[in-house]
PDB file of N, CA and C in Angstrom:
ATOM      1  N   MET A   1       0.837  -1.179   0.000  1.00  0.00           N
ATOM      2  CA  MET A   1       0.000   0.000   0.000  1.00  0.00           C
ATOM      3  C   MET A   1       0.883   1.243   0.000  1.00  0.00           C
ATOM      4  N   ARG A   2       0.619   2.134  -0.942  1.00  0.00           N
ATOM      5  CA  ARG A   2       1.409   3.358  -1.055  1.00  0.00           C
ATOM      6  C   ARG A   2       0.928   4.381  -0.043  1.00  0.00           C
ATOM      7  N   ARG A   3       1.851   4.873   0.715  1.00  0.00           N
ATOM      8  CA  ARG A   3       1.515   5.859   1.736  1.00  0.00           C
ATOM      9  C   ARG A   3       1.744   7.263   1.203  1.00  0.00           C
ATOM     10  N   HIS A   4       0.784   8.137   1.423  1.00  0.00           N
ATOM     11  CA  HIS A   4       0.911   9.524   0.993  1.00  0.00           C
ATOM     12  C   HIS A   4       1.676  10.309   2.044  1.00  0.00           C
ATOM     13  N   PRO A   5       2.538  11.238   1.597  1.00  0.00           N
ATOM     14  CA  PRO A   5       3.286  12.047   2.573  1.00  0.00           C
ATOM     15  C   PRO A   5       2.341  12.956   3.357  1.00  0.00           C
ATOM     16  N   GLU A   6       2.739  13.252   4.550  1.00  0.00           N
ATOM     17  CA  GLU A   6       1.971  14.188   5.378  1.00  0.00           C
ATOM     18  C   GLU A   6       2.019  15.569   4.740  1.00  0.00           C
ATOM     19  N   PRO A   7       0.929  16.319   4.808  1.00  0.00           N
ATOM     20  CA  PRO A   7       0.975  17.679   4.238  1.00  0.00           C
ATOM     21  C   PRO A   7       1.944  18.547   5.026  1.00  0.00           C
ATOM     22  N   ASN A   8       2.604  19.433   4.316  1.00  0.00           N
ATOM     23  CA  ASN A   8       3.591  20.312   4.929  1.00  0.00           C
ATOM     24  C   ASN A   8       2.918  21.657   5.181  1.00  0.00           C
ATOM     25  N   THR A   9       2.138  21.732   6.258  1.00  0.00           N
ATOM     26  CA  THR A   9       1.380  22.941   6.559  1.00  0.00           C
ATOM     27  C   THR A   9       1.633  23.385   7.997  1.00  0.00           C
ATOM     28  N   VAL A  10       1.364  24.646   8.222  1.00  0.00           N
ATOM     29  CA  VAL A  10       1.386  25.204   9.567  1.00  0.00           C
ATOM     30  C   VAL A  10       0.019  25.843   9.774  1.00  0.00           C
ATOM     31  N   LEU A  11      -0.688  25.399  10.772  1.00  0.00           N
ATOM     32  CA  LEU A  11      -2.020  25.923  11.047  1.00  0.00           C
ATOM     33  C   LEU A  11      -1.938  27.214  11.850  1.00  0.00           C
ATOM     34  N   PHE A  12      -2.999  28.003  11.781  1.00  0.00           N
ATOM     35  CA  PHE A  12      -3.043  29.264  12.498  1.00  0.00           C
ATOM     36  C   PHE A  12      -2.761  29.024  13.978  1.00  0.00           C
ATOM     37  N   GLY A  13      -1.854  29.809  14.546  1.00  0.00           N
ATOM     38  CA  GLY A  13      -1.501  29.687  15.948  1.00  0.00           C
ATOM     39  C   GLY A  13      -0.325  28.769  16.203  1.00  0.00           C
ATOM     40  N   GLU A  14       0.079  27.984  15.209  1.00  0.00           N
ATOM     41  CA  GLU A  14       1.229  27.092  15.368  1.00  0.00           C
ATOM     42  C   GLU A  14       2.511  27.850  15.039  1.00  0.00           C
ATOM     43  N   GLU A  15       3.592  27.419  15.647  1.00  0.00           N
ATOM     44  CA  GLU A  15       4.899  28.010  15.378  1.00  0.00           C
ATOM     45  C   GLU A  15       5.455  27.449  14.077  1.00  0.00           C
ATOM     46  N   LEU A  16       6.148  28.298  13.320  1.00  0.00           N
ATOM     47  CA  LEU A  16       6.874  27.825  12.149  1.00  0.00           C
ATOM     48  C   LEU A  16       8.133  27.114  12.600  1.00  0.00           C
ATOM     49  N   PRO A  17       8.552  26.074  11.897  1.00  0.00           N
ATOM     50  CA  PRO A  17       9.840  25.466  12.223  1.00  0.00           C
ATOM     51  C   PRO A  17      10.953  26.496  12.044  1.00  0.00           C
ATOM     52  N   VAL A  18      11.830  26.611  13.019  1.00  0.00           N
ATOM     53  CA  VAL A  18      12.866  27.648  13.027  1.00  0.00           C
ATOM     54  C   VAL A  18      13.735  27.567  11.776  1.00  0.00           C
ATOM     55  N   GLY A  19      14.205  26.410  11.432  1.00  0.00           N
ATOM     56  CA  GLY A  19      15.077  26.265  10.269  1.00  0.00           C
ATOM     57  C   GLY A  19      14.398  26.683   8.982  1.00  0.00           C
ATOM     58  N   VAL A  20      13.137  26.366   8.841  1.00  0.00           N
ATOM     59  CA  VAL A  20      12.391  26.719   7.636  1.00  0.00           C
ATOM     60  C   VAL A  20      12.248  28.230   7.526  1.00  0.00           C
ATOM     61  N   PHE A  21      11.905  28.872   8.616  1.00  0.00           N
ATOM     62  CA  PHE A  21      11.741  30.322   8.567  1.00  0.00           C
ATOM     63  C   PHE A  21      13.078  31.024   8.327  1.00  0.00           C
ATOM     64  N   MET A  22      14.139  30.511   8.882  1.00  0.00           N
ATOM     65  CA  MET A  22      15.462  31.108   8.651  1.00  0.00           C
ATOM     66  C   MET A  22      15.833  31.018   7.172  1.00  0.00           C
ATOM     67  N   LYS A  23      15.530  29.886   6.525  1.00  0.00           N
ATOM     68  CA  LYS A  23      15.790  29.755   5.088  1.00  0.00           C
ATOM     69  C   LYS A  23      14.933  30.744   4.300  1.00  0.00           C
ATOM     70  N   ALA A  24      13.697  30.937   4.723  1.00  0.00           N
ATOM     71  CA  ALA A  24      12.812  31.895   4.052  1.00  0.00           C
ATOM     72  C   ALA A  24      13.352  33.313   4.198  1.00  0.00           C
ATOM     73  N   ARG A  25      13.880  33.650   5.366  1.00  0.00           N
ATOM     74  CA  ARG A  25      14.474  34.978   5.576  1.00  0.00           C
ATOM     75  C   ARG A  25      15.685  35.176   4.669  1.00  0.00           C
ATOM     76  N   GLU A  26      16.534  34.159   4.589  1.00  0.00           N
ATOM     77  CA  GLU A  26      17.726  34.250   3.739  1.00  0.00           C
ATOM     78  C   GLU A  26      17.338  34.430   2.278  1.00  0.00           C
ATOM     79  N   ALA A  27      16.358  33.648   1.829  1.00  0.00           N
ATOM     80  CA  ALA A  27      15.907  33.751   0.438  1.00  0.00           C
ATOM     81  C   ALA A  27      15.274  35.113   0.176  1.00  0.00           C
ATOM     82  N   SER A  28      14.515  35.618   1.129  1.00  0.00           N
ATOM     83  CA  SER A  28      13.871  36.925   0.979  1.00  0.00           C
ATOM     84  C   SER A  28      14.895  38.047   0.900  1.00  0.00           C
ATOM     85  N   ALA A  29      15.930  37.957   1.697  1.00  0.00           N
ATOM     86  CA  ALA A  29      16.967  38.987   1.697  1.00  0.00           C
ATOM     87  C   ALA A  29      17.784  38.972   0.406  1.00  0.00           C
ATOM     88  N   ALA A  30      17.855  37.817  -0.251  1.00  0.00           N
ATOM     89  CA  ALA A  30      18.690  37.684  -1.442  1.00  0.00           C
ATOM     90  C   ALA A  30      17.929  37.769  -2.766  1.00  0.00           C
ATOM     91  N   CYS A  31      16.608  37.710  -2.727  1.00  0.00           N
ATOM     92  CA  CYS A  31      15.853  37.649  -3.989  1.00  0.00           C
ATOM     93  C   CYS A  31      15.835  38.996  -4.700  1.00  0.00           C
ATOM     94  N   ARG A  32      15.645  38.947  -6.013  1.00  0.00           N
ATOM     95  CA  ARG A  32      15.504  40.176  -6.808  1.00  0.00           C
ATOM     96  C   ARG A  32      14.046  40.480  -7.081  1.00  0.00           C
ATOM     97  N   ILE A  33      13.229  39.429  -7.118  1.00  0.00           N
ATOM     98  CA  ILE A  33      11.788  39.571  -7.327  1.00  0.00           C
ATOM     99  C   ILE A  33      11.080  38.654  -6.351  1.00  0.00           C
ATOM    100  N   MET A  34      10.060  39.175  -5.674  1.00  0.00           N
ATOM    101  CA  MET A  34       9.246  38.350  -4.786  1.00  0.00           C
ATOM    102  C   MET A  34       7.820  38.396  -5.299  1.00  0.00           C
ATOM    103  N   LEU A  35       7.225  37.226  -5.423  1.00  0.00           N
ATOM    104  CA  LEU A  35       5.849  37.095  -5.867  1.00  0.00           C
ATOM    105  C   LEU A  35       4.994  36.783  -4.649  1.00  0.00           C
ATOM    106  N   LEU A  36       4.079  37.689  -4.304  1.00  0.00           N
ATOM    107  CA  LEU A  36       3.147  37.478  -3.192  1.00  0.00           C
ATOM    108  C   LEU A  36       1.828  37.032  -3.797  1.00  0.00           C
ATOM    109  N   VAL A  37       1.338  35.889  -3.362  1.00  0.00           N
ATOM    110  CA  VAL A  37       0.132  35.333  -3.978  1.00  0.00           C
ATOM    111  C   VAL A  37      -0.919  35.067  -2.913  1.00  0.00           C
ATOM    112  N   GLY A  38      -2.069  35.711  -3.054  1.00  0.00           N
ATOM    113  CA  GLY A  38      -3.227  35.447  -2.204  1.00  0.00           C
ATOM    114  C   GLY A  38      -2.968  35.564  -0.720  1.00  0.00           C
ATOM    115  N   THR A  39      -2.387  36.649  -0.304  1.00  0.00           N
ATOM    116  CA  THR A  39      -2.048  36.822   1.109  1.00  0.00           C
ATOM    117  C   THR A  39      -2.742  38.043   1.704  1.00  0.00           C
ATOM    118  N   SER A  40      -2.988  37.975   2.997  1.00  0.00           N
ATOM    119  CA  SER A  40      -3.482  39.157   3.696  1.00  0.00           C
ATOM    120  C   SER A  40      -2.322  40.063   4.079  1.00  0.00           C
ATOM    121  N   ALA A  41      -1.110  39.511   4.080  1.00  0.00           N
ATOM    122  CA  ALA A  41       0.117  40.237   4.425  1.00  0.00           C
ATOM    123  C   ALA A  41       0.103  40.782   5.849  1.00  0.00           C
ATOM    124  N   ILE A  42      -0.617  40.098   6.739  1.00  0.00           N
ATOM    125  CA  ILE A  42      -0.643  40.564   8.129  1.00  0.00           C
ATOM    126  C   ILE A  42      -0.238  39.488   9.141  1.00  0.00           C
ATOM    127  N   VAL A  43      -0.199  38.233   8.752  1.00  0.00           N
ATOM    128  CA  VAL A  43       0.119  37.163   9.698  1.00  0.00           C
ATOM    129  C   VAL A  43       1.643  37.075   9.845  1.00  0.00           C
ATOM    130  N   GLN A  44       2.091  37.317  11.058  1.00  0.00           N
ATOM    131  CA  GLN A  44       3.528  37.309  11.355  1.00  0.00           C
ATOM    132  C   GLN A  44       3.971  35.914  11.781  1.00  0.00           C
ATOM    133  N   PRO A  45       5.191  35.535  11.545  1.00  0.00           N
ATOM    134  CA  PRO A  45       6.304  36.336  11.040  1.00  0.00           C
ATOM    135  C   PRO A  45       6.405  36.376   9.515  1.00  0.00           C
ATOM    136  N   ALA A  46       5.599  35.613   8.802  1.00  0.00           N
ATOM    137  CA  ALA A  46       5.706  35.579   7.339  1.00  0.00           C
ATOM    138  C   ALA A  46       5.475  36.952   6.710  1.00  0.00           C
ATOM    139  N   ALA A  47       4.629  37.768   7.298  1.00  0.00           N
ATOM    140  CA  ALA A  47       4.335  39.085   6.738  1.00  0.00           C
ATOM    141  C   ALA A  47       5.557  40.003   6.727  1.00  0.00           C
ATOM    142  N   SER A  48       6.574  39.682   7.481  1.00  0.00           N
ATOM    143  CA  SER A  48       7.786  40.508   7.496  1.00  0.00           C
ATOM    144  C   SER A  48       8.675  40.244   6.279  1.00  0.00           C
ATOM    145  N   LEU A  49       8.477  39.121   5.603  1.00  0.00           N
ATOM    146  CA  LEU A  49       9.378  38.738   4.517  1.00  0.00           C
ATOM    147  C   LEU A  49       9.353  39.696   3.320  1.00  0.00           C
ATOM    148  N   PRO A  50       8.191  40.165   2.855  1.00  0.00           N
ATOM    149  CA  PRO A  50       8.231  41.130   1.744  1.00  0.00           C
ATOM    150  C   PRO A  50       8.945  42.436   2.108  1.00  0.00           C
ATOM    151  N   PHE A  51       8.823  42.871   3.348  1.00  0.00           N
ATOM    152  CA  PHE A  51       9.533  44.078   3.782  1.00  0.00           C
ATOM    153  C   PHE A  51      11.040  43.852   3.735  1.00  0.00           C
ATOM    154  N   LEU A  52      11.476  42.674   4.167  1.00  0.00           N
ATOM    155  CA  LEU A  52      12.898  42.334   4.130  1.00  0.00           C
ATOM    156  C   LEU A  52      13.396  42.320   2.683  1.00  0.00           C
ATOM    157  N   ALA A  53      12.623  41.715   1.797  1.00  0.00           N
ATOM    158  CA  ALA A  53      13.009  41.674   0.386  1.00  0.00           C
ATOM    159  C   ALA A  53      13.105  43.088  -0.185  1.00  0.00           C
ATOM    160  N   LYS A  54      12.108  43.896   0.094  1.00  0.00           N
ATOM    161  CA  LYS A  54      12.058  45.277  -0.409  1.00  0.00           C
ATOM    162  C   LYS A  54      13.255  46.086   0.105  1.00  0.00           C
ATOM    163  N   GLN A  55      13.600  45.916   1.382  1.00  0.00           N
ATOM    164  CA  GLN A  55      14.745  46.623   1.965  1.00  0.00           C
ATOM    165  C   GLN A  55      16.050  46.272   1.262  1.00  0.00           C
ATOM    166  N   ASN A  56      16.095  45.073   0.699  1.00  0.00           N
ATOM    167  CA  ASN A  56      17.305  44.607   0.025  1.00  0.00           C
ATOM    168  C   ASN A  56      17.219  44.770  -1.493  1.00  0.00           C
ATOM    169  N   GLY A  57      16.270  45.592  -1.954  1.00  0.00           N
ATOM    170  CA  GLY A  57      16.215  45.964  -3.357  1.00  0.00           C
ATOM    171  C   GLY A  57      15.332  45.123  -4.259  1.00  0.00           C
ATOM    172  N   ALA A  58      14.590  44.172  -3.717  1.00  0.00           N
ATOM    173  CA  ALA A  58      13.732  43.325  -4.550  1.00  0.00           C
ATOM    174  C   ALA A  58      12.514  44.091  -5.043  1.00  0.00           C
ATOM    175  N   LYS A  59      12.032  43.708  -6.196  1.00  0.00           N
ATOM    176  CA  LYS A  59      10.751  44.181  -6.699  1.00  0.00           C
ATOM    177  C   LYS A  59       9.691  43.220  -6.176  1.00  0.00           C
ATOM    178  N   ILE A  60       8.563  43.762  -5.740  1.00  0.00           N
ATOM    179  CA  ILE A  60       7.481  42.954  -5.185  1.00  0.00           C
ATOM    180  C   ILE A  60       6.312  42.965  -6.165  1.00  0.00           C
ATOM    181  N   ILE A  61       5.865  41.774  -6.538  1.00  0.00           N
ATOM    182  CA  ILE A  61       4.702  41.612  -7.404  1.00  0.00           C
ATOM    183  C   ILE A  61       3.632  40.899  -6.588  1.00  0.00           C
ATOM    184  N   GLU A  62       2.513  41.560  -6.416  1.00  0.00           N
ATOM    185  CA  GLU A  62       1.411  40.973  -5.651  1.00  0.00           C
ATOM    186  C   GLU A  62       0.318  40.489  -6.601  1.00  0.00           C
ATOM    187  N   VAL A  63      -0.122  39.247  -6.400  1.00  0.00           N
ATOM    188  CA  VAL A  63      -1.255  38.683  -7.134  1.00  0.00           C
ATOM    189  C   VAL A  63      -2.316  38.381  -6.093  1.00  0.00           C
ATOM    190  N   ASN A  64      -3.408  39.136  -6.139  1.00  0.00           N
ATOM    191  CA  ASN A  64      -4.403  39.026  -5.080  1.00  0.00           C
ATOM    192  C   ASN A  64      -5.709  39.654  -5.568  1.00  0.00           C
ATOM    193  N   ILE A  65      -6.819  39.226  -5.033  1.00  0.00           N
ATOM    194  CA  ILE A  65      -8.091  39.818  -5.446  1.00  0.00           C
ATOM    195  C   ILE A  65      -8.268  41.231  -4.905  1.00  0.00           C
ATOM    196  N   GLU A  66      -7.518  41.555  -3.854  1.00  0.00           N
ATOM    197  CA  GLU A  66      -7.481  42.931  -3.370  1.00  0.00           C
ATOM    198  C   GLU A  66      -6.085  43.214  -2.839  1.00  0.00           C
ATOM    199  N   ARG A  67      -5.643  44.427  -3.024  1.00  0.00           N
ATOM    200  CA  ARG A  67      -4.282  44.803  -2.628  1.00  0.00           C
ATOM    201  C   ARG A  67      -4.122  44.688  -1.116  1.00  0.00           C
ATOM    202  N   SER A  68      -3.039  44.016  -0.682  1.00  0.00           N
ATOM    203  CA  SER A  68      -2.806  43.868   0.749  1.00  0.00           C
ATOM    204  C   SER A  68      -1.415  44.341   1.168  1.00  0.00           C
ATOM    205  N   PHE A  69      -0.500  44.473   0.210  1.00  0.00           N
ATOM    206  CA  PHE A  69       0.862  44.925   0.512  1.00  0.00           C
ATOM    207  C   PHE A  69       1.077  46.258  -0.199  1.00  0.00           C
ATOM    208  N   PRO A  70       0.904  47.369   0.516  1.00  0.00           N
ATOM    209  CA  PRO A  70       0.930  48.688  -0.131  1.00  0.00           C
ATOM    210  C   PRO A  70       2.258  49.044  -0.792  1.00  0.00           C
ATOM    211  N   ASP A  71       3.348  48.411  -0.388  1.00  0.00           N
ATOM    212  CA  ASP A  71       4.653  48.720  -0.967  1.00  0.00           C
ATOM    213  C   ASP A  71       4.973  47.882  -2.206  1.00  0.00           C
ATOM    214  N   ALA A  72       4.006  47.091  -2.700  1.00  0.00           N
ATOM    215  CA  ALA A  72       4.243  46.283  -3.899  1.00  0.00           C
ATOM    216  C   ALA A  72       4.541  47.189  -5.086  1.00  0.00           C
ATOM    217  N   ASP A  73       5.478  46.761  -5.908  1.00  0.00           N
ATOM    218  CA  ASP A  73       5.813  47.517  -7.112  1.00  0.00           C
ATOM    219  C   ASP A  73       4.768  47.304  -8.201  1.00  0.00           C
ATOM    220  N   TYR A  74       4.190  46.120  -8.215  1.00  0.00           N
ATOM    221  CA  TYR A  74       3.150  45.768  -9.181  1.00  0.00           C
ATOM    222  C   TYR A  74       2.069  44.994  -8.453  1.00  0.00           C
ATOM    223  N   CYS A  75       0.825  45.253  -8.815  1.00  0.00           N
ATOM    224  CA  CYS A  75      -0.277  44.517  -8.203  1.00  0.00           C
ATOM    225  C   CYS A  75      -1.206  44.026  -9.316  1.00  0.00           C
ATOM    226  N   ILE A  76      -1.384  42.728  -9.375  1.00  0.00           N
ATOM    227  CA  ILE A  76      -2.293  42.106 -10.333  1.00  0.00           C
ATOM    228  C   ILE A  76      -3.529  41.705  -9.544  1.00  0.00           C
ATOM    229  N   THR A  77      -4.611  42.417  -9.720  1.00  0.00           N
ATOM    230  CA  THR A  77      -5.824  42.180  -8.935  1.00  0.00           C
ATOM    231  C   THR A  77      -6.727  41.183  -9.657  1.00  0.00           C
ATOM    232  N   GLU A  78      -6.333  39.931  -9.556  1.00  0.00           N
ATOM    233  CA  GLU A  78      -7.080  38.804 -10.108  1.00  0.00           C
ATOM    234  C   GLU A  78      -6.950  37.638  -9.142  1.00  0.00           C
ATOM    235  N   LYS A  79      -7.782  36.642  -9.346  1.00  0.00           N
ATOM    236  CA  LYS A  79      -7.629  35.406  -8.585  1.00  0.00           C
ATOM    237  C   LYS A  79      -6.336  34.727  -9.024  1.00  0.00           C
ATOM    238  N   ALA A  80      -5.657  34.120  -8.080  1.00  0.00           N
ATOM    239  CA  ALA A  80      -4.385  33.458  -8.368  1.00  0.00           C
ATOM    240  C   ALA A  80      -4.542  32.391  -9.445  1.00  0.00           C
ATOM    241  N   GLY A  81      -5.638  31.637  -9.392  1.00  0.00           N
ATOM    242  CA  GLY A  81      -5.864  30.571 -10.358  1.00  0.00           C
ATOM    243  C   GLY A  81      -5.996  31.070 -11.781  1.00  0.00           C
ATOM    244  N   THR A  82      -6.353  32.320 -11.947  1.00  0.00           N
ATOM    245  CA  THR A  82      -6.449  32.933 -13.268  1.00  0.00           C
ATOM    246  C   THR A  82      -5.119  33.576 -13.663  1.00  0.00           C
ATOM    247  N   ALA A  83      -4.553  34.342 -12.761  1.00  0.00           N
ATOM    248  CA  ALA A  83      -3.351  35.116 -13.071  1.00  0.00           C
ATOM    249  C   ALA A  83      -2.089  34.269 -13.203  1.00  0.00           C
ATOM    250  N   LEU A  84      -1.902  33.300 -12.336  1.00  0.00           N
ATOM    251  CA  LEU A  84      -0.635  32.555 -12.340  1.00  0.00           C
ATOM    252  C   LEU A  84      -0.387  31.794 -13.636  1.00  0.00           C
ATOM    253  N   PRO A  85      -1.375  31.088 -14.200  1.00  0.00           N
ATOM    254  CA  PRO A  85      -1.100  30.433 -15.493  1.00  0.00           C
ATOM    255  C   PRO A  85      -0.714  31.430 -16.593  1.00  0.00           C
ATOM    256  N   GLU A  86      -1.315  32.610 -16.560  1.00  0.00           N
ATOM    257  CA  GLU A  86      -0.961  33.638 -17.539  1.00  0.00           C
ATOM    258  C   GLU A  86       0.469  34.131 -17.335  1.00  0.00           C
ATOM    259  N   ILE A  87       0.867  34.293 -16.085  1.00  0.00           N
ATOM    260  CA  ILE A  87       2.239  34.723 -15.776  1.00  0.00           C
ATOM    261  C   ILE A  87       3.235  33.666 -16.242  1.00  0.00           C
ATOM    262  N   VAL A  88       2.951  32.408 -15.940  1.00  0.00           N
ATOM    263  CA  VAL A  88       3.837  31.314 -16.354  1.00  0.00           C
ATOM    264  C   VAL A  88       3.946  31.271 -17.878  1.00  0.00           C
ATOM    265  N   ALA A  89       2.840  31.428 -18.577  1.00  0.00           N
ATOM    266  CA  ALA A  89       2.859  31.420 -20.045  1.00  0.00           C
ATOM    267  C   ALA A  89       3.737  32.541 -20.588  1.00  0.00           C
ATOM    268  N   GLU A  90       3.655  33.716 -19.973  1.00  0.00           N
ATOM    269  CA  GLU A  90       4.484  34.840 -20.413  1.00  0.00           C
ATOM    270  C   GLU A  90       5.957  34.575 -20.158  1.00  0.00           C
ATOM    271  N   ILE A  91       6.273  34.017 -19.006  1.00  0.00           N
ATOM    272  CA  ILE A  91       7.683  33.716 -18.681  1.00  0.00           C
ATOM    273  C   ILE A  91       8.244  32.689 -19.647  1.00  0.00           C
ATOM    274  N   LYS A  92       7.450  31.686 -19.991  1.00  0.00           N
ATOM    275  CA  LYS A  92       7.919  30.638 -20.898  1.00  0.00           C
ATOM    276  C   LYS A  92       8.258  31.177 -22.284  1.00  0.00           C
ATOM    277  N   LYS A  93       7.699  32.289 -22.663  1.00  0.00           N
ATOM    278  CA  LYS A  93       8.017  32.903 -23.951  1.00  0.00           C
ATOM    279  C   LYS A  93       9.496  33.323 -24.019  1.00  0.00           C
ATOM    280  N   TYR A  94      10.118  33.527 -22.858  1.00  0.00           N
ATOM    281  CA  TYR A  94      11.498  34.011 -22.798  1.00  0.00           C
ATOM    282  C   TYR A  94      12.508  32.924 -22.520  1.00  0.00           C
ATOM    283  N   GLU A  95      12.064  31.689 -22.474  1.00  0.00           N
ATOM    284  CA  GLU A  95      13.000  30.569 -22.208  1.00  0.00           C
ATOM    285  C   GLU A  95      13.817  30.249 -23.417  1.00  0.00           C
TER     286      GLU A  95
END
């Protein structure tokens, strides 16, 4: 019988694994572009990551049905399920 892996989720009120969040901070500090998808941008500590990226010169692209990160450089106000396939299709044109 094939066993399915446990979902890799953190529920509201649970702590993030320290190592995972540290890797996210490092990636955020080093990225040139950060894509924020379907977020309220208020749940900490994850909500601090776009600010860290922005402080280090990254461009922030938000894909959300309503704007939640006021410092985003670009905001695509669509559902993620609609916008993301279009974004991927555009990126593939440059491969």
